[in-house]
N, C-alpha and C. Protein backbone atom coordinates (compact mmCIF):
# COMPACT_ATOMS: atom_id res chain seq x y z
N UNK A 1 -47.30 7.64 14.43
CA UNK A 1 -45.94 7.31 14.05
C UNK A 1 -45.06 7.29 15.29
N UNK A 2 -44.31 6.25 15.42
CA UNK A 2 -43.44 6.12 16.57
C UNK A 2 -42.28 7.09 16.47
N UNK A 3 -41.79 7.50 17.60
CA UNK A 3 -40.72 8.51 17.69
C UNK A 3 -39.42 8.07 16.99
N UNK A 4 -39.05 6.79 17.07
CA UNK A 4 -37.78 6.32 16.53
C UNK A 4 -37.96 5.43 15.30
N UNK A 5 -39.07 5.50 14.65
CA UNK A 5 -39.35 4.64 13.51
C UNK A 5 -38.40 4.88 12.34
N UNK A 6 -37.96 6.10 12.13
CA UNK A 6 -37.10 6.43 11.00
C UNK A 6 -35.62 6.54 11.39
N UNK A 7 -35.21 5.84 12.38
CA UNK A 7 -33.80 5.89 12.81
C UNK A 7 -32.88 5.26 11.77
N UNK A 8 -31.73 5.83 11.62
CA UNK A 8 -30.70 5.26 10.76
C UNK A 8 -29.87 4.28 11.56
N UNK A 9 -29.36 3.24 10.90
CA UNK A 9 -28.52 2.29 11.64
C UNK A 9 -27.22 2.96 12.08
N UNK A 10 -26.72 2.52 13.22
CA UNK A 10 -25.44 3.02 13.73
C UNK A 10 -24.38 1.97 13.48
N UNK A 11 -23.18 2.44 13.15
CA UNK A 11 -22.05 1.55 12.90
C UNK A 11 -20.88 1.97 13.75
N UNK A 12 -20.06 0.99 14.08
CA UNK A 12 -18.82 1.26 14.79
C UNK A 12 -17.71 0.57 14.02
N UNK A 13 -16.65 1.30 13.75
CA UNK A 13 -15.51 0.75 13.03
C UNK A 13 -14.38 0.55 14.02
N UNK A 14 -13.77 -0.66 13.95
CA UNK A 14 -12.68 -0.98 14.86
C UNK A 14 -11.47 -1.45 14.07
N UNK A 15 -10.32 -1.15 14.57
CA UNK A 15 -9.08 -1.66 14.03
C UNK A 15 -8.60 -2.74 14.97
N UNK A 16 -8.38 -3.94 14.44
CA UNK A 16 -7.98 -5.07 15.27
C UNK A 16 -6.61 -5.56 14.82
N UNK A 17 -5.66 -5.57 15.73
CA UNK A 17 -4.32 -6.08 15.43
C UNK A 17 -4.39 -7.60 15.37
N UNK A 18 -3.85 -8.17 14.29
CA UNK A 18 -3.95 -9.61 14.10
C UNK A 18 -3.07 -10.41 15.04
N UNK A 19 -1.87 -9.91 15.33
CA UNK A 19 -0.97 -10.61 16.24
C UNK A 19 -0.01 -9.60 16.85
N UNK A 20 0.42 -9.86 18.04
CA UNK A 20 1.28 -8.91 18.74
C UNK A 20 2.63 -8.72 18.06
N UNK A 21 3.20 -9.80 17.53
CA UNK A 21 4.54 -9.70 16.97
C UNK A 21 4.55 -9.61 15.45
N UNK A 22 3.43 -9.39 14.81
CA UNK A 22 3.35 -9.39 13.35
C UNK A 22 4.30 -8.40 12.71
N UNK A 23 4.43 -7.20 13.25
CA UNK A 23 5.18 -6.16 12.57
C UNK A 23 6.57 -5.91 13.15
N UNK A 24 7.02 -6.76 14.06
CA UNK A 24 8.33 -6.52 14.65
C UNK A 24 9.45 -6.70 13.64
N UNK A 25 9.23 -7.45 12.56
CA UNK A 25 10.29 -7.63 11.58
C UNK A 25 10.32 -6.53 10.53
N UNK A 26 9.43 -5.55 10.63
CA UNK A 26 9.38 -4.45 9.68
C UNK A 26 9.88 -3.18 10.35
N UNK A 27 11.14 -2.88 10.19
CA UNK A 27 11.72 -1.70 10.85
C UNK A 27 11.43 -0.41 10.09
N UNK A 28 12.08 0.64 10.47
CA UNK A 28 12.03 1.90 9.73
C UNK A 28 12.99 1.75 8.55
N UNK A 29 12.45 1.95 7.35
CA UNK A 29 13.26 1.76 6.15
C UNK A 29 13.89 3.08 5.72
N UNK A 30 15.13 3.00 5.26
CA UNK A 30 15.86 4.19 4.84
C UNK A 30 15.77 4.45 3.34
N UNK A 31 15.57 3.38 2.56
CA UNK A 31 15.53 3.54 1.11
C UNK A 31 14.84 2.35 0.44
N UNK A 32 14.64 2.47 -0.86
CA UNK A 32 13.92 1.44 -1.60
C UNK A 32 14.69 0.11 -1.63
N UNK A 33 16.00 0.15 -1.64
CA UNK A 33 16.80 -1.08 -1.64
C UNK A 33 16.55 -1.89 -0.37
N UNK A 34 16.45 -1.23 0.78
CA UNK A 34 16.16 -1.92 2.04
C UNK A 34 14.78 -2.59 1.97
N UNK A 35 13.81 -1.89 1.42
CA UNK A 35 12.47 -2.48 1.27
C UNK A 35 12.52 -3.69 0.35
N UNK A 36 13.20 -3.55 -0.76
CA UNK A 36 13.31 -4.66 -1.71
C UNK A 36 13.95 -5.87 -1.04
N UNK A 37 15.05 -5.67 -0.35
CA UNK A 37 15.73 -6.78 0.31
C UNK A 37 14.86 -7.41 1.40
N UNK A 38 14.09 -6.60 2.12
CA UNK A 38 13.24 -7.12 3.20
C UNK A 38 12.07 -7.95 2.69
N UNK A 39 11.48 -7.55 1.55
CA UNK A 39 10.27 -8.21 1.06
C UNK A 39 10.51 -9.09 -0.16
N UNK A 40 11.71 -9.10 -0.66
CA UNK A 40 12.04 -9.82 -1.88
C UNK A 40 11.66 -11.29 -1.82
N UNK A 41 12.07 -11.97 -0.78
CA UNK A 41 11.81 -13.40 -0.66
C UNK A 41 10.31 -13.69 -0.62
N UNK A 42 9.59 -12.89 0.13
CA UNK A 42 8.15 -13.08 0.26
C UNK A 42 7.42 -12.85 -1.06
N UNK A 43 7.78 -11.79 -1.79
CA UNK A 43 7.07 -11.45 -3.01
C UNK A 43 7.53 -12.25 -4.22
N UNK A 44 8.74 -12.78 -4.19
CA UNK A 44 9.28 -13.53 -5.32
C UNK A 44 8.56 -14.85 -5.54
N UNK A 45 7.96 -15.40 -4.52
CA UNK A 45 7.32 -16.71 -4.63
C UNK A 45 5.85 -16.64 -5.07
N UNK A 46 5.31 -15.43 -5.22
CA UNK A 46 3.90 -15.29 -5.54
C UNK A 46 3.65 -15.51 -7.04
N UNK A 47 2.60 -16.28 -7.35
CA UNK A 47 2.31 -16.59 -8.75
C UNK A 47 1.27 -15.66 -9.38
N UNK A 48 0.74 -14.73 -8.58
CA UNK A 48 -0.22 -13.73 -9.06
C UNK A 48 0.20 -12.38 -8.53
N UNK A 49 -0.32 -11.32 -9.15
CA UNK A 49 0.00 -9.98 -8.66
C UNK A 49 -0.65 -9.76 -7.30
N UNK A 50 0.14 -9.25 -6.39
CA UNK A 50 -0.33 -8.86 -5.06
C UNK A 50 0.03 -7.40 -4.85
N UNK A 51 -0.88 -6.64 -4.26
CA UNK A 51 -0.64 -5.23 -3.98
C UNK A 51 -0.69 -5.06 -2.47
N UNK A 52 0.39 -4.53 -1.90
CA UNK A 52 0.51 -4.35 -0.46
C UNK A 52 0.72 -2.88 -0.11
N UNK A 53 0.43 -2.55 1.13
CA UNK A 53 0.69 -1.20 1.61
C UNK A 53 1.31 -1.29 3.00
N UNK A 54 2.35 -0.49 3.20
CA UNK A 54 2.95 -0.32 4.52
C UNK A 54 2.47 1.03 5.03
N UNK A 55 1.91 1.04 6.23
CA UNK A 55 1.47 2.29 6.83
C UNK A 55 2.53 2.76 7.82
N UNK A 56 2.72 4.09 7.87
CA UNK A 56 3.79 4.67 8.67
C UNK A 56 3.25 5.81 9.52
N UNK A 57 3.90 6.03 10.67
CA UNK A 57 3.51 7.16 11.51
C UNK A 57 4.25 8.42 11.06
N UNK A 58 4.13 9.48 11.82
CA UNK A 58 4.73 10.76 11.43
C UNK A 58 6.26 10.75 11.44
N UNK A 59 6.86 9.74 12.09
CA UNK A 59 8.32 9.61 12.10
C UNK A 59 8.78 8.50 11.15
N UNK A 60 7.89 8.10 10.25
CA UNK A 60 8.14 7.04 9.27
C UNK A 60 8.44 5.69 9.89
N UNK A 61 7.93 5.45 11.08
CA UNK A 61 8.04 4.15 11.72
C UNK A 61 6.85 3.31 11.25
N UNK A 62 7.12 2.06 10.94
CA UNK A 62 6.08 1.17 10.44
C UNK A 62 4.97 0.95 11.48
N UNK A 63 3.74 1.15 11.03
CA UNK A 63 2.57 0.84 11.86
C UNK A 63 2.05 -0.53 11.48
N UNK A 64 1.87 -0.77 10.17
CA UNK A 64 1.29 -2.03 9.73
C UNK A 64 1.63 -2.36 8.29
N UNK A 65 1.29 -3.57 7.93
CA UNK A 65 1.55 -4.13 6.61
C UNK A 65 0.24 -4.75 6.16
N UNK A 66 -0.27 -4.33 5.01
CA UNK A 66 -1.61 -4.73 4.60
C UNK A 66 -1.62 -5.29 3.19
N UNK A 67 -2.31 -6.41 3.00
CA UNK A 67 -2.59 -6.92 1.68
C UNK A 67 -3.83 -6.20 1.19
N UNK A 68 -3.69 -5.45 0.11
CA UNK A 68 -4.80 -4.66 -0.42
C UNK A 68 -5.56 -5.45 -1.48
N UNK A 69 -4.82 -6.15 -2.34
CA UNK A 69 -5.46 -6.85 -3.44
C UNK A 69 -4.62 -8.02 -3.89
N UNK A 70 -5.30 -9.10 -4.28
CA UNK A 70 -4.67 -10.24 -4.92
C UNK A 70 -5.34 -10.38 -6.26
N UNK A 71 -4.55 -10.32 -7.32
CA UNK A 71 -5.11 -10.31 -8.66
C UNK A 71 -4.81 -11.56 -9.44
N UNK A 72 -4.59 -11.36 -10.73
CA UNK A 72 -4.31 -12.47 -11.64
C UNK A 72 -2.82 -12.44 -12.00
N UNK A 73 -2.48 -13.14 -13.05
CA UNK A 73 -1.09 -13.22 -13.48
C UNK A 73 -0.53 -11.86 -13.86
N UNK A 74 -1.38 -10.97 -14.41
CA UNK A 74 -0.84 -9.72 -14.92
C UNK A 74 -1.57 -8.46 -14.42
N UNK A 75 -2.52 -8.61 -13.54
CA UNK A 75 -3.24 -7.42 -13.07
C UNK A 75 -3.78 -7.63 -11.67
N UNK A 76 -3.99 -6.53 -10.99
CA UNK A 76 -4.57 -6.53 -9.66
C UNK A 76 -5.46 -5.30 -9.55
N UNK A 77 -6.69 -5.48 -9.10
CA UNK A 77 -7.62 -4.36 -8.98
C UNK A 77 -7.29 -3.59 -7.70
N UNK A 78 -6.98 -2.31 -7.87
CA UNK A 78 -6.60 -1.46 -6.75
C UNK A 78 -7.43 -0.19 -6.81
N UNK A 79 -8.26 0.01 -5.80
CA UNK A 79 -9.12 1.19 -5.76
C UNK A 79 -8.79 2.00 -4.52
N UNK A 80 -8.68 3.34 -4.63
CA UNK A 80 -8.32 4.16 -3.48
C UNK A 80 -9.18 3.92 -2.24
N UNK A 81 -10.44 3.62 -2.42
CA UNK A 81 -11.33 3.39 -1.28
C UNK A 81 -10.81 2.26 -0.40
N UNK A 82 -10.42 1.13 -1.03
CA UNK A 82 -9.90 0.00 -0.26
C UNK A 82 -8.48 0.23 0.22
N UNK A 83 -7.71 0.94 -0.59
CA UNK A 83 -6.31 1.19 -0.24
C UNK A 83 -6.19 2.02 1.03
N UNK A 84 -6.94 3.11 1.11
CA UNK A 84 -6.72 4.05 2.20
C UNK A 84 -7.55 3.77 3.46
N UNK A 85 -8.42 2.81 3.41
CA UNK A 85 -9.20 2.47 4.62
C UNK A 85 -8.29 2.11 5.80
N UNK A 86 -7.33 1.18 5.63
CA UNK A 86 -6.45 0.87 6.76
C UNK A 86 -5.60 2.06 7.18
N UNK A 87 -5.15 2.86 6.21
CA UNK A 87 -4.31 4.02 6.53
C UNK A 87 -5.08 5.03 7.38
N UNK A 88 -6.33 5.23 7.05
CA UNK A 88 -7.16 6.16 7.82
C UNK A 88 -7.43 5.61 9.21
N UNK A 89 -7.78 4.33 9.29
CA UNK A 89 -8.08 3.72 10.59
C UNK A 89 -6.86 3.73 11.52
N UNK A 90 -5.66 3.64 10.94
CA UNK A 90 -4.44 3.63 11.75
C UNK A 90 -3.87 5.03 11.95
N UNK A 91 -4.56 6.04 11.46
CA UNK A 91 -4.08 7.43 11.54
C UNK A 91 -2.67 7.56 10.96
N UNK A 92 -2.46 6.95 9.82
CA UNK A 92 -1.15 6.95 9.17
C UNK A 92 -0.81 8.33 8.62
N UNK A 93 0.44 8.69 8.74
CA UNK A 93 0.93 9.94 8.17
C UNK A 93 1.46 9.71 6.76
N UNK A 94 1.90 8.48 6.48
CA UNK A 94 2.49 8.17 5.18
C UNK A 94 2.26 6.69 4.86
N UNK A 95 2.43 6.37 3.59
CA UNK A 95 2.30 4.99 3.13
C UNK A 95 3.36 4.69 2.08
N UNK A 96 3.63 3.40 1.93
CA UNK A 96 4.49 2.91 0.86
C UNK A 96 3.73 1.76 0.21
N UNK A 97 3.65 1.77 -1.12
CA UNK A 97 2.97 0.70 -1.84
C UNK A 97 4.01 -0.27 -2.39
N UNK A 98 3.67 -1.55 -2.40
CA UNK A 98 4.52 -2.60 -2.95
C UNK A 98 3.63 -3.50 -3.80
N UNK A 99 4.12 -3.90 -4.96
CA UNK A 99 3.44 -4.97 -5.67
C UNK A 99 4.44 -5.72 -6.52
N UNK A 100 4.09 -6.93 -6.84
CA UNK A 100 4.98 -7.81 -7.58
C UNK A 100 4.52 -7.98 -9.02
N UNK A 101 5.46 -8.31 -9.89
CA UNK A 101 5.16 -8.72 -11.25
C UNK A 101 5.59 -10.17 -11.39
N UNK A 102 4.65 -11.11 -11.44
CA UNK A 102 5.01 -12.53 -11.56
C UNK A 102 5.87 -12.85 -12.80
N UNK A 103 5.81 -11.98 -13.80
CA UNK A 103 6.63 -12.19 -15.00
C UNK A 103 8.12 -12.06 -14.68
N UNK A 104 8.44 -11.40 -13.56
CA UNK A 104 9.83 -11.20 -13.18
C UNK A 104 10.40 -9.87 -13.62
N UNK A 105 9.70 -9.16 -14.50
CA UNK A 105 10.16 -7.87 -15.02
C UNK A 105 9.56 -6.75 -14.16
N UNK A 106 10.40 -5.98 -13.48
CA UNK A 106 9.87 -4.94 -12.59
C UNK A 106 9.46 -3.64 -13.28
N UNK A 107 9.64 -3.53 -14.59
CA UNK A 107 9.29 -2.29 -15.29
C UNK A 107 7.80 -1.99 -15.09
N UNK A 108 7.47 -0.79 -14.65
CA UNK A 108 6.07 -0.46 -14.41
C UNK A 108 5.28 -0.35 -15.72
N UNK A 109 4.09 -0.90 -15.72
CA UNK A 109 3.22 -0.82 -16.90
C UNK A 109 2.50 0.52 -16.91
N UNK A 110 1.81 0.79 -17.99
CA UNK A 110 0.99 2.00 -18.07
C UNK A 110 -0.04 1.99 -16.95
N UNK A 111 -0.62 0.81 -16.67
CA UNK A 111 -1.61 0.68 -15.59
C UNK A 111 -0.99 0.96 -14.23
N UNK A 112 0.25 0.52 -14.04
CA UNK A 112 0.95 0.80 -12.77
C UNK A 112 1.12 2.30 -12.58
N UNK A 113 1.50 2.99 -13.64
CA UNK A 113 1.69 4.44 -13.57
C UNK A 113 0.37 5.17 -13.30
N UNK A 114 -0.69 4.73 -13.97
CA UNK A 114 -2.00 5.35 -13.75
C UNK A 114 -2.50 5.09 -12.33
N UNK A 115 -2.31 3.87 -11.85
CA UNK A 115 -2.73 3.52 -10.49
C UNK A 115 -1.98 4.37 -9.47
N UNK A 116 -0.68 4.50 -9.65
CA UNK A 116 0.14 5.30 -8.73
C UNK A 116 -0.32 6.75 -8.74
N UNK A 117 -0.61 7.26 -9.91
CA UNK A 117 -1.09 8.64 -10.03
C UNK A 117 -2.43 8.83 -9.30
N UNK A 118 -3.34 7.89 -9.50
CA UNK A 118 -4.66 7.94 -8.84
C UNK A 118 -4.52 7.88 -7.32
N UNK A 119 -3.66 6.98 -6.85
CA UNK A 119 -3.47 6.84 -5.41
C UNK A 119 -2.78 8.06 -4.81
N UNK A 120 -1.82 8.63 -5.53
CA UNK A 120 -1.13 9.83 -5.04
C UNK A 120 -2.10 11.01 -4.94
N UNK A 121 -3.01 11.11 -5.90
CA UNK A 121 -4.01 12.18 -5.87
C UNK A 121 -4.96 12.01 -4.69
N UNK A 122 -5.40 10.79 -4.47
CA UNK A 122 -6.29 10.52 -3.33
C UNK A 122 -5.57 10.78 -2.01
N UNK A 123 -4.33 10.37 -1.91
CA UNK A 123 -3.55 10.57 -0.69
C UNK A 123 -3.38 12.05 -0.38
N UNK A 124 -3.16 12.83 -1.41
CA UNK A 124 -2.99 14.27 -1.22
C UNK A 124 -4.25 14.88 -0.61
N UNK A 125 -5.40 14.48 -1.08
CA UNK A 125 -6.67 14.96 -0.53
C UNK A 125 -6.81 14.56 0.93
N UNK A 126 -6.37 13.34 1.26
CA UNK A 126 -6.48 12.82 2.62
C UNK A 126 -5.39 13.34 3.56
N UNK A 127 -4.37 13.96 3.03
CA UNK A 127 -3.28 14.44 3.86
C UNK A 127 -2.32 13.34 4.27
N UNK A 128 -2.21 12.32 3.42
CA UNK A 128 -1.31 11.19 3.68
C UNK A 128 -0.22 11.23 2.62
N UNK A 129 1.04 11.17 3.04
CA UNK A 129 2.16 11.21 2.10
C UNK A 129 2.39 9.82 1.49
N UNK A 130 2.60 9.77 0.19
CA UNK A 130 3.00 8.53 -0.47
C UNK A 130 4.52 8.62 -0.64
N UNK A 131 5.24 7.79 0.10
CA UNK A 131 6.70 7.85 0.06
C UNK A 131 7.30 7.09 -1.12
N UNK A 132 6.63 6.01 -1.52
CA UNK A 132 7.15 5.24 -2.65
C UNK A 132 6.11 4.22 -3.11
N UNK A 133 6.30 3.75 -4.31
CA UNK A 133 5.59 2.59 -4.86
C UNK A 133 6.66 1.76 -5.52
N UNK A 134 6.87 0.57 -5.00
CA UNK A 134 7.95 -0.29 -5.47
C UNK A 134 7.35 -1.50 -6.17
N UNK A 135 7.82 -1.72 -7.40
CA UNK A 135 7.39 -2.87 -8.19
C UNK A 135 8.50 -3.91 -8.11
N UNK A 136 8.15 -5.11 -7.64
CA UNK A 136 9.11 -6.18 -7.44
C UNK A 136 9.15 -7.10 -8.65
N UNK A 137 10.34 -7.34 -9.16
CA UNK A 137 10.55 -8.35 -10.19
C UNK A 137 11.25 -9.54 -9.55
N UNK A 138 11.72 -10.43 -10.37
CA UNK A 138 12.37 -11.64 -9.85
C UNK A 138 13.68 -11.32 -9.13
N UNK A 139 14.51 -10.48 -9.73
CA UNK A 139 15.81 -10.19 -9.12
C UNK A 139 16.11 -8.70 -9.01
N UNK A 140 15.14 -7.87 -9.38
CA UNK A 140 15.34 -6.44 -9.34
C UNK A 140 14.02 -5.75 -9.02
N UNK A 141 14.04 -4.44 -8.91
CA UNK A 141 12.83 -3.70 -8.57
C UNK A 141 12.83 -2.35 -9.27
N UNK A 142 11.66 -1.71 -9.27
CA UNK A 142 11.51 -0.36 -9.77
C UNK A 142 10.89 0.48 -8.66
N UNK A 143 11.49 1.61 -8.37
CA UNK A 143 10.99 2.52 -7.35
C UNK A 143 10.51 3.81 -8.01
N UNK A 144 9.24 4.15 -7.81
CA UNK A 144 8.71 5.40 -8.34
C UNK A 144 9.42 6.60 -7.70
N UNK A 145 9.77 6.48 -6.43
CA UNK A 145 10.46 7.59 -5.74
C UNK A 145 11.87 7.77 -6.30
N UNK A 146 12.60 6.68 -6.49
CA UNK A 146 13.96 6.77 -7.03
C UNK A 146 13.96 7.34 -8.44
N UNK A 147 12.93 7.01 -9.21
CA UNK A 147 12.81 7.52 -10.58
C UNK A 147 12.25 8.95 -10.61
N UNK A 148 12.00 9.47 -9.41
CA UNK A 148 11.46 10.82 -9.25
C UNK A 148 10.12 11.01 -9.96
N UNK A 149 9.33 9.95 -9.99
CA UNK A 149 8.01 10.03 -10.61
C UNK A 149 6.92 10.41 -9.60
N UNK A 150 7.17 10.22 -8.32
CA UNK A 150 6.18 10.59 -7.31
C UNK A 150 6.06 12.09 -7.15
N UNK A 151 7.15 12.80 -7.27
CA UNK A 151 7.13 14.27 -7.11
C UNK A 151 6.21 14.91 -8.14
N UNK A 152 6.17 14.31 -9.32
CA UNK A 152 5.30 14.84 -10.38
C UNK A 152 3.83 14.54 -10.12
N UNK A 153 3.57 13.52 -9.31
CA UNK A 153 2.19 13.08 -9.08
C UNK A 153 1.54 13.75 -7.89
N UNK A 154 2.33 14.24 -6.93
CA UNK A 154 1.76 14.79 -5.71
C UNK A 154 1.79 16.30 -5.68
């Protein structure tokens, strides 16, 4: 039997920045209204549910903006494994979740609440703070942080 016959494969994980100026338009946000105003135009034109994550450093400065999932008219598959991969690779201290409702109604569904709860639980284990989850409607939004629903989940 050869000495290295039973070797396991080795992997290397790299984080690659897509463009130098990609995140310059995403400043440090002070509240959910600022986030809504900044992303409103982009999310209002989407015809399917999209789930995004903003990663932040320890001073809540934006590190990156990630598309996590693109779904159908009324649902998007969001699993903690895929959600937190970029946050871990970027050594994020905190995250903010954003997703749109193509129906135009920002009221969170039962699935939205369950998803937020699942993600908050996973984040707590990882030591990553979830600052907010904002649901975008056509002309308004819902903030889990403003509704004080995140405090109950973490």
